[in-house]
PDB file of N, CA and C in Angstrom:
ATOM      1  N   UNK A   1     -90.515   3.769 -89.862  1.00  0.00           N
ATOM      2  CA  UNK A   1     -89.216   3.351 -89.362  1.00  0.00           C
ATOM      3  C   UNK A   1     -88.190   4.382 -89.677  1.00  0.00           C
ATOM      4  N   UNK A   2     -87.366   4.719 -88.735  1.00  0.00           N
ATOM      5  CA  UNK A   2     -86.282   5.709 -88.912  1.00  0.00           C
ATOM      6  C   UNK A   2     -85.156   5.042 -89.704  1.00  0.00           C
ATOM      7  N   UNK A   3     -84.378   5.801 -90.503  1.00  0.00           N
ATOM      8  CA  UNK A   3     -83.281   5.211 -91.287  1.00  0.00           C
ATOM      9  C   UNK A   3     -82.262   4.503 -90.425  1.00  0.00           C
ATOM     10  N   UNK A   4     -81.973   5.053 -89.213  1.00  0.00           N
ATOM     11  CA  UNK A   4     -80.993   4.469 -88.328  1.00  0.00           C
ATOM     12  C   UNK A   4     -81.454   3.113 -87.754  1.00  0.00           C
ATOM     13  N   UNK A   5     -82.775   2.862 -87.745  1.00  0.00           N
ATOM     14  CA  UNK A   5     -83.287   1.613 -87.206  1.00  0.00           C
ATOM     15  C   UNK A   5     -82.835   0.413 -88.050  1.00  0.00           C
ATOM     16  N   UNK A   6     -82.525   0.596 -89.313  1.00  0.00           N
ATOM     17  CA  UNK A   6     -82.170  -0.496 -90.198  1.00  0.00           C
ATOM     18  C   UNK A   6     -80.704  -0.893 -90.023  1.00  0.00           C
ATOM     19  N   UNK A   7     -79.904  -0.006 -89.398  1.00  0.00           N
ATOM     20  CA  UNK A   7     -78.478  -0.299 -89.260  1.00  0.00           C
ATOM     21  C   UNK A   7     -78.267  -1.160 -87.999  1.00  0.00           C
ATOM     22  N   UNK A   8     -77.419  -2.213 -88.138  1.00  0.00           N
ATOM     23  CA  UNK A   8     -77.129  -3.005 -86.898  1.00  0.00           C
ATOM     24  C   UNK A   8     -76.277  -2.213 -85.911  1.00  0.00           C
ATOM     25  N   UNK A   9     -76.435  -2.522 -84.675  1.00  0.00           N
ATOM     26  CA  UNK A   9     -75.681  -1.847 -83.638  1.00  0.00           C
ATOM     27  C   UNK A   9     -74.228  -2.287 -83.772  1.00  0.00           C
ATOM     28  N   UNK A  10     -73.276  -1.366 -83.437  1.00  0.00           N
ATOM     29  CA  UNK A  10     -71.841  -1.757 -83.525  1.00  0.00           C
ATOM     30  C   UNK A  10     -71.509  -3.028 -82.719  1.00  0.00           C
ATOM     31  N   UNK A  11     -72.104  -3.225 -81.548  1.00  0.00           N
ATOM     32  CA  UNK A  11     -71.835  -4.383 -80.760  1.00  0.00           C
ATOM     33  C   UNK A  11     -72.299  -5.679 -81.466  1.00  0.00           C
ATOM     34  N   UNK A  12     -73.412  -5.557 -82.234  1.00  0.00           N
ATOM     35  CA  UNK A  12     -73.860  -6.688 -83.017  1.00  0.00           C
ATOM     36  C   UNK A  12     -72.906  -7.028 -84.152  1.00  0.00           C
ATOM     37  N   UNK A  13     -72.361  -5.973 -84.789  1.00  0.00           N
ATOM     38  CA  UNK A  13     -71.396  -6.214 -85.851  1.00  0.00           C
ATOM     39  C   UNK A  13     -70.126  -6.864 -85.292  1.00  0.00           C
ATOM     40  N   UNK A  14     -69.695  -6.406 -84.159  1.00  0.00           N
ATOM     41  CA  UNK A  14     -68.470  -6.932 -83.534  1.00  0.00           C
ATOM     42  C   UNK A  14     -68.682  -8.386 -83.169  1.00  0.00           C
ATOM     43  N   UNK A  15     -69.796  -8.758 -82.603  1.00  0.00           N
ATOM     44  CA  UNK A  15     -70.039 -10.153 -82.235  1.00  0.00           C
ATOM     45  C   UNK A  15     -70.133 -11.036 -83.475  1.00  0.00           C
ATOM     46  N   UNK A  16     -70.685 -10.512 -84.563  1.00  0.00           N
ATOM     47  CA  UNK A  16     -70.694 -11.276 -85.829  1.00  0.00           C
ATOM     48  C   UNK A  16     -69.270 -11.485 -86.354  1.00  0.00           C
ATOM     49  N   UNK A  17     -68.459 -10.429 -86.262  1.00  0.00           N
ATOM     50  CA  UNK A  17     -67.106 -10.486 -86.706  1.00  0.00           C
ATOM     51  C   UNK A  17     -66.294 -11.570 -86.002  1.00  0.00           C
ATOM     52  N   UNK A  18     -66.377 -11.590 -84.672  1.00  0.00           N
ATOM     53  CA  UNK A  18     -65.589 -12.546 -83.889  1.00  0.00           C
ATOM     54  C   UNK A  18     -66.079 -13.981 -84.028  1.00  0.00           C
ATOM     55  N   UNK A  19     -67.333 -14.153 -84.421  1.00  0.00           N
ATOM     56  CA  UNK A  19     -67.869 -15.523 -84.601  1.00  0.00           C
ATOM     57  C   UNK A  19     -67.627 -16.057 -85.993  1.00  0.00           C
ATOM     58  N   UNK A  20     -67.207 -15.215 -86.918  1.00  0.00           N
ATOM     59  CA  UNK A  20     -67.034 -15.655 -88.303  1.00  0.00           C
ATOM     60  C   UNK A  20     -65.981 -16.760 -88.374  1.00  0.00           C
ATOM     61  N   UNK A  21     -66.309 -17.784 -89.131  1.00  0.00           N
ATOM     62  CA  UNK A  21     -65.379 -18.908 -89.359  1.00  0.00           C
ATOM     63  C   UNK A  21     -64.232 -18.450 -90.254  1.00  0.00           C
ATOM     64  N   UNK A  22     -63.012 -18.538 -89.773  1.00  0.00           N
ATOM     65  CA  UNK A  22     -61.852 -18.094 -90.570  1.00  0.00           C
ATOM     66  C   UNK A  22     -61.272 -19.151 -91.466  1.00  0.00           C
ATOM     67  N   UNK A  23     -61.687 -20.406 -91.287  1.00  0.00           N
ATOM     68  CA  UNK A  23     -61.151 -21.500 -92.055  1.00  0.00           C
ATOM     69  C   UNK A  23     -61.266 -21.319 -93.568  1.00  0.00           C
ATOM     70  N   UNK A  24     -62.360 -20.878 -94.066  1.00  0.00           N
ATOM     71  CA  UNK A  24     -62.502 -20.740 -95.546  1.00  0.00           C
ATOM     72  C   UNK A  24     -61.686 -19.577 -96.150  1.00  0.00           C
ATOM     73  N   UNK A  25     -61.145 -18.696 -95.329  1.00  0.00           N
ATOM     74  CA  UNK A  25     -60.424 -17.546 -95.841  1.00  0.00           C
ATOM     75  C   UNK A  25     -58.997 -17.883 -96.271  1.00  0.00           C
ATOM     76  N   UNK A  26     -58.544 -17.265 -97.354  1.00  0.00           N
ATOM     77  CA  UNK A  26     -57.191 -17.460 -97.803  1.00  0.00           C
ATOM     78  C   UNK A  26     -56.233 -16.623 -96.963  1.00  0.00           C
ATOM     79  N   UNK A  27     -54.954 -16.900 -97.144  1.00  0.00           N
ATOM     80  CA  UNK A  27     -53.927 -16.120 -96.442  1.00  0.00           C
ATOM     81  C   UNK A  27     -54.066 -14.627 -96.788  1.00  0.00           C
ATOM     82  N   UNK A  28     -54.277 -14.331 -98.068  1.00  0.00           N
ATOM     83  CA  UNK A  28     -54.417 -12.919 -98.495  1.00  0.00           C
ATOM     84  C   UNK A  28     -55.669 -12.288 -97.853  1.00  0.00           C
ATOM     85  N   UNK A  29     -56.737 -13.036 -97.760  1.00  0.00           N
ATOM     86  CA  UNK A  29     -57.947 -12.532 -97.134  1.00  0.00           C
ATOM     87  C   UNK A  29     -57.743 -12.278 -95.665  1.00  0.00           C
ATOM     88  N   UNK A  30     -57.037 -13.177 -95.004  1.00  0.00           N
ATOM     89  CA  UNK A  30     -56.733 -13.012 -93.588  1.00  0.00           C
ATOM     90  C   UNK A  30     -55.817 -11.823 -93.356  1.00  0.00           C
ATOM     91  N   UNK A  31     -54.834 -11.639 -94.211  1.00  0.00           N
ATOM     92  CA  UNK A  31     -53.928 -10.499 -94.094  1.00  0.00           C
ATOM     93  C   UNK A  31     -54.693  -9.197 -94.299  1.00  0.00           C
ATOM     94  N   UNK A  32     -55.616  -9.200 -95.259  1.00  0.00           N
ATOM     95  CA  UNK A  32     -56.424  -7.987 -95.496  1.00  0.00           C
ATOM     96  C   UNK A  32     -57.346  -7.694 -94.295  1.00  0.00           C
ATOM     97  N   UNK A  33     -57.850  -8.753 -93.697  1.00  0.00           N
ATOM     98  CA  UNK A  33     -58.703  -8.613 -92.509  1.00  0.00           C
ATOM     99  C   UNK A  33     -57.879  -8.017 -91.346  1.00  0.00           C
ATOM    100  N   UNK A  34     -56.687  -8.574 -91.115  1.00  0.00           N
ATOM    101  CA  UNK A  34     -55.829  -8.074 -90.068  1.00  0.00           C
ATOM    102  C   UNK A  34     -55.478  -6.568 -90.320  1.00  0.00           C
ATOM    103  N   UNK A  35     -55.154  -6.236 -91.558  1.00  0.00           N
ATOM    104  CA  UNK A  35     -54.842  -4.826 -91.852  1.00  0.00           C
ATOM    105  C   UNK A  35     -56.051  -3.923 -91.575  1.00  0.00           C
ATOM    106  N   UNK A  36     -57.217  -4.379 -91.964  1.00  0.00           N
ATOM    107  CA  UNK A  36     -58.429  -3.576 -91.711  1.00  0.00           C
ATOM    108  C   UNK A  36     -58.682  -3.416 -90.221  1.00  0.00           C
ATOM    109  N   UNK A  37     -58.506  -4.517 -89.490  1.00  0.00           N
ATOM    110  CA  UNK A  37     -58.734  -4.450 -88.030  1.00  0.00           C
ATOM    111  C   UNK A  37     -57.681  -3.587 -87.352  1.00  0.00           C
ATOM    112  N   UNK A  38     -56.421  -3.637 -87.800  1.00  0.00           N
ATOM    113  CA  UNK A  38     -55.390  -2.757 -87.220  1.00  0.00           C
ATOM    114  C   UNK A  38     -55.697  -1.309 -87.502  1.00  0.00           C
ATOM    115  N   UNK A  39     -56.202  -1.037 -88.701  1.00  0.00           N
ATOM    116  CA  UNK A  39     -56.646   0.355 -89.014  1.00  0.00           C
ATOM    117  C   UNK A  39     -57.775   0.801 -88.106  1.00  0.00           C
ATOM    118  N   UNK A  40     -58.698  -0.089 -87.868  1.00  0.00           N
ATOM    119  CA  UNK A  40     -59.833   0.233 -86.990  1.00  0.00           C
ATOM    120  C   UNK A  40     -59.350   0.431 -85.532  1.00  0.00           C
ATOM    121  N   UNK A  41     -58.393  -0.387 -85.100  1.00  0.00           N
ATOM    122  CA  UNK A  41     -57.839  -0.205 -83.755  1.00  0.00           C
ATOM    123  C   UNK A  41     -57.176   1.177 -83.638  1.00  0.00           C
ATOM    124  N   UNK A  42     -56.419   1.531 -84.627  1.00  0.00           N
ATOM    125  CA  UNK A  42     -55.726   2.865 -84.619  1.00  0.00           C
ATOM    126  C   UNK A  42     -56.782   3.983 -84.601  1.00  0.00           C
ATOM    127  N   UNK A  43     -57.873   3.844 -85.346  1.00  0.00           N
ATOM    128  CA  UNK A  43     -58.922   4.844 -85.362  1.00  0.00           C
ATOM    129  C   UNK A  43     -59.581   4.961 -84.026  1.00  0.00           C
ATOM    130  N   UNK A  44     -59.826   3.836 -83.344  1.00  0.00           N
ATOM    131  CA  UNK A  44     -60.418   3.828 -82.020  1.00  0.00           C
ATOM    132  C   UNK A  44     -59.493   4.497 -81.009  1.00  0.00           C
ATOM    133  N   UNK A  45     -58.210   4.183 -81.098  1.00  0.00           N
ATOM    134  CA  UNK A  45     -57.249   4.759 -80.142  1.00  0.00           C
ATOM    135  C   UNK A  45     -57.154   6.261 -80.322  1.00  0.00           C
ATOM    136  N   UNK A  46     -57.212   6.755 -81.572  1.00  0.00           N
ATOM    137  CA  UNK A  46     -57.226   8.158 -81.849  1.00  0.00           C
ATOM    138  C   UNK A  46     -58.469   8.836 -81.225  1.00  0.00           C
ATOM    139  N   UNK A  47     -59.583   8.203 -81.362  1.00  0.00           N
ATOM    140  CA  UNK A  47     -60.811   8.732 -80.779  1.00  0.00           C
ATOM    141  C   UNK A  47     -60.761   8.773 -79.278  1.00  0.00           C
ATOM    142  N   UNK A  48     -60.216   7.731 -78.664  1.00  0.00           N
ATOM    143  CA  UNK A  48     -60.046   7.727 -77.207  1.00  0.00           C
ATOM    144  C   UNK A  48     -59.150   8.848 -76.770  1.00  0.00           C
ATOM    145  N   UNK A  49     -58.044   9.037 -77.494  1.00  0.00           N
ATOM    146  CA  UNK A  49     -57.128  10.110 -77.148  1.00  0.00           C
ATOM    147  C   UNK A  49     -57.806  11.468 -77.232  1.00  0.00           C
ATOM    148  N   UNK A  50     -58.562  11.684 -78.288  1.00  0.00           N
ATOM    149  CA  UNK A  50     -59.266  12.992 -78.434  1.00  0.00           C
ATOM    150  C   UNK A  50     -60.260  13.158 -77.273  1.00  0.00           C
ATOM    151  N   UNK A  51     -60.959  12.102 -76.915  1.00  0.00           N
ATOM    152  CA  UNK A  51     -61.929  12.191 -75.832  1.00  0.00           C
ATOM    153  C   UNK A  51     -61.258  12.526 -74.499  1.00  0.00           C
ATOM    154  N   UNK A  52     -60.153  11.866 -74.222  1.00  0.00           N
ATOM    155  CA  UNK A  52     -59.407  12.105 -72.987  1.00  0.00           C
ATOM    156  C   UNK A  52     -58.891  13.531 -72.962  1.00  0.00           C
ATOM    157  N   UNK A  53     -58.301  13.965 -74.063  1.00  0.00           N
ATOM    158  CA  UNK A  53     -57.776  15.324 -74.143  1.00  0.00           C
ATOM    159  C   UNK A  53     -58.868  16.371 -73.969  1.00  0.00           C
ATOM    160  N   UNK A  54     -60.016  16.118 -74.605  1.00  0.00           N
ATOM    161  CA  UNK A  54     -61.153  17.031 -74.501  1.00  0.00           C
ATOM    162  C   UNK A  54     -61.609  17.141 -73.052  1.00  0.00           C
ATOM    163  N   UNK A  55     -61.725  15.981 -72.382  1.00  0.00           N
ATOM    164  CA  UNK A  55     -62.154  16.003 -71.005  1.00  0.00           C
ATOM    165  C   UNK A  55     -61.148  16.743 -70.122  1.00  0.00           C
ATOM    166  N   UNK A  56     -59.866  16.477 -70.348  1.00  0.00           N
ATOM    167  CA  UNK A  56     -58.841  17.139 -69.554  1.00  0.00           C
ATOM    168  C   UNK A  56     -58.887  18.668 -69.769  1.00  0.00           C
ATOM    169  N   UNK A  57     -59.125  19.099 -71.019  1.00  0.00           N
ATOM    170  CA  UNK A  57     -59.230  20.543 -71.305  1.00  0.00           C
ATOM    171  C   UNK A  57     -60.419  21.140 -70.571  1.00  0.00           C
ATOM    172  N   UNK A  58     -61.547  20.439 -70.622  1.00  0.00           N
ATOM    173  CA  UNK A  58     -62.759  20.925 -69.949  1.00  0.00           C
ATOM    174  C   UNK A  58     -62.549  20.989 -68.442  1.00  0.00           C
ATOM    175  N   UNK A  59     -61.953  19.946 -67.874  1.00  0.00           N
ATOM    176  CA  UNK A  59     -61.690  19.947 -66.422  1.00  0.00           C
ATOM    177  C   UNK A  59     -60.781  21.112 -66.051  1.00  0.00           C
ATOM    178  N   UNK A  60     -59.747  21.370 -66.858  1.00  0.00           N
ATOM    179  CA  UNK A  60     -58.813  22.463 -66.552  1.00  0.00           C
ATOM    180  C   UNK A  60     -59.528  23.789 -66.644  1.00  0.00           C
ATOM    181  N   UNK A  61     -60.385  23.951 -67.624  1.00  0.00           N
ATOM    182  CA  UNK A  61     -61.138  25.216 -67.804  1.00  0.00           C
ATOM    183  C   UNK A  61     -62.007  25.487 -66.597  1.00  0.00           C
ATOM    184  N   UNK A  62     -62.705  24.450 -66.093  1.00  0.00           N
ATOM    185  CA  UNK A  62     -63.649  24.673 -65.012  1.00  0.00           C
ATOM    186  C   UNK A  62     -62.973  24.706 -63.627  1.00  0.00           C
ATOM    187  N   UNK A  63     -61.714  24.324 -63.541  1.00  0.00           N
ATOM    188  CA  UNK A  63     -60.968  24.432 -62.239  1.00  0.00           C
ATOM    189  C   UNK A  63     -60.543  25.836 -61.974  1.00  0.00           C
ATOM    190  N   UNK A  64     -60.421  26.659 -63.026  1.00  0.00           N
ATOM    191  CA  UNK A  64     -59.937  28.013 -62.869  1.00  0.00           C
ATOM    192  C   UNK A  64     -60.904  28.879 -62.152  1.00  0.00           C
TER     193      UNK A  64
END
């Protein structure tokens, strides 16, 4: 078995996250969760921006 085979797929992790029962969590735990998710959203948006900029640069290069 390859080492990567043991890791869950990101979509599996996301589905587990959204199904998690929030009732047992304290306010502090919920705030920490929100902060972590906001950080992950920012990280995803940065990656999207880099990908879009990279594609635009490549398109511009090949149009010349």
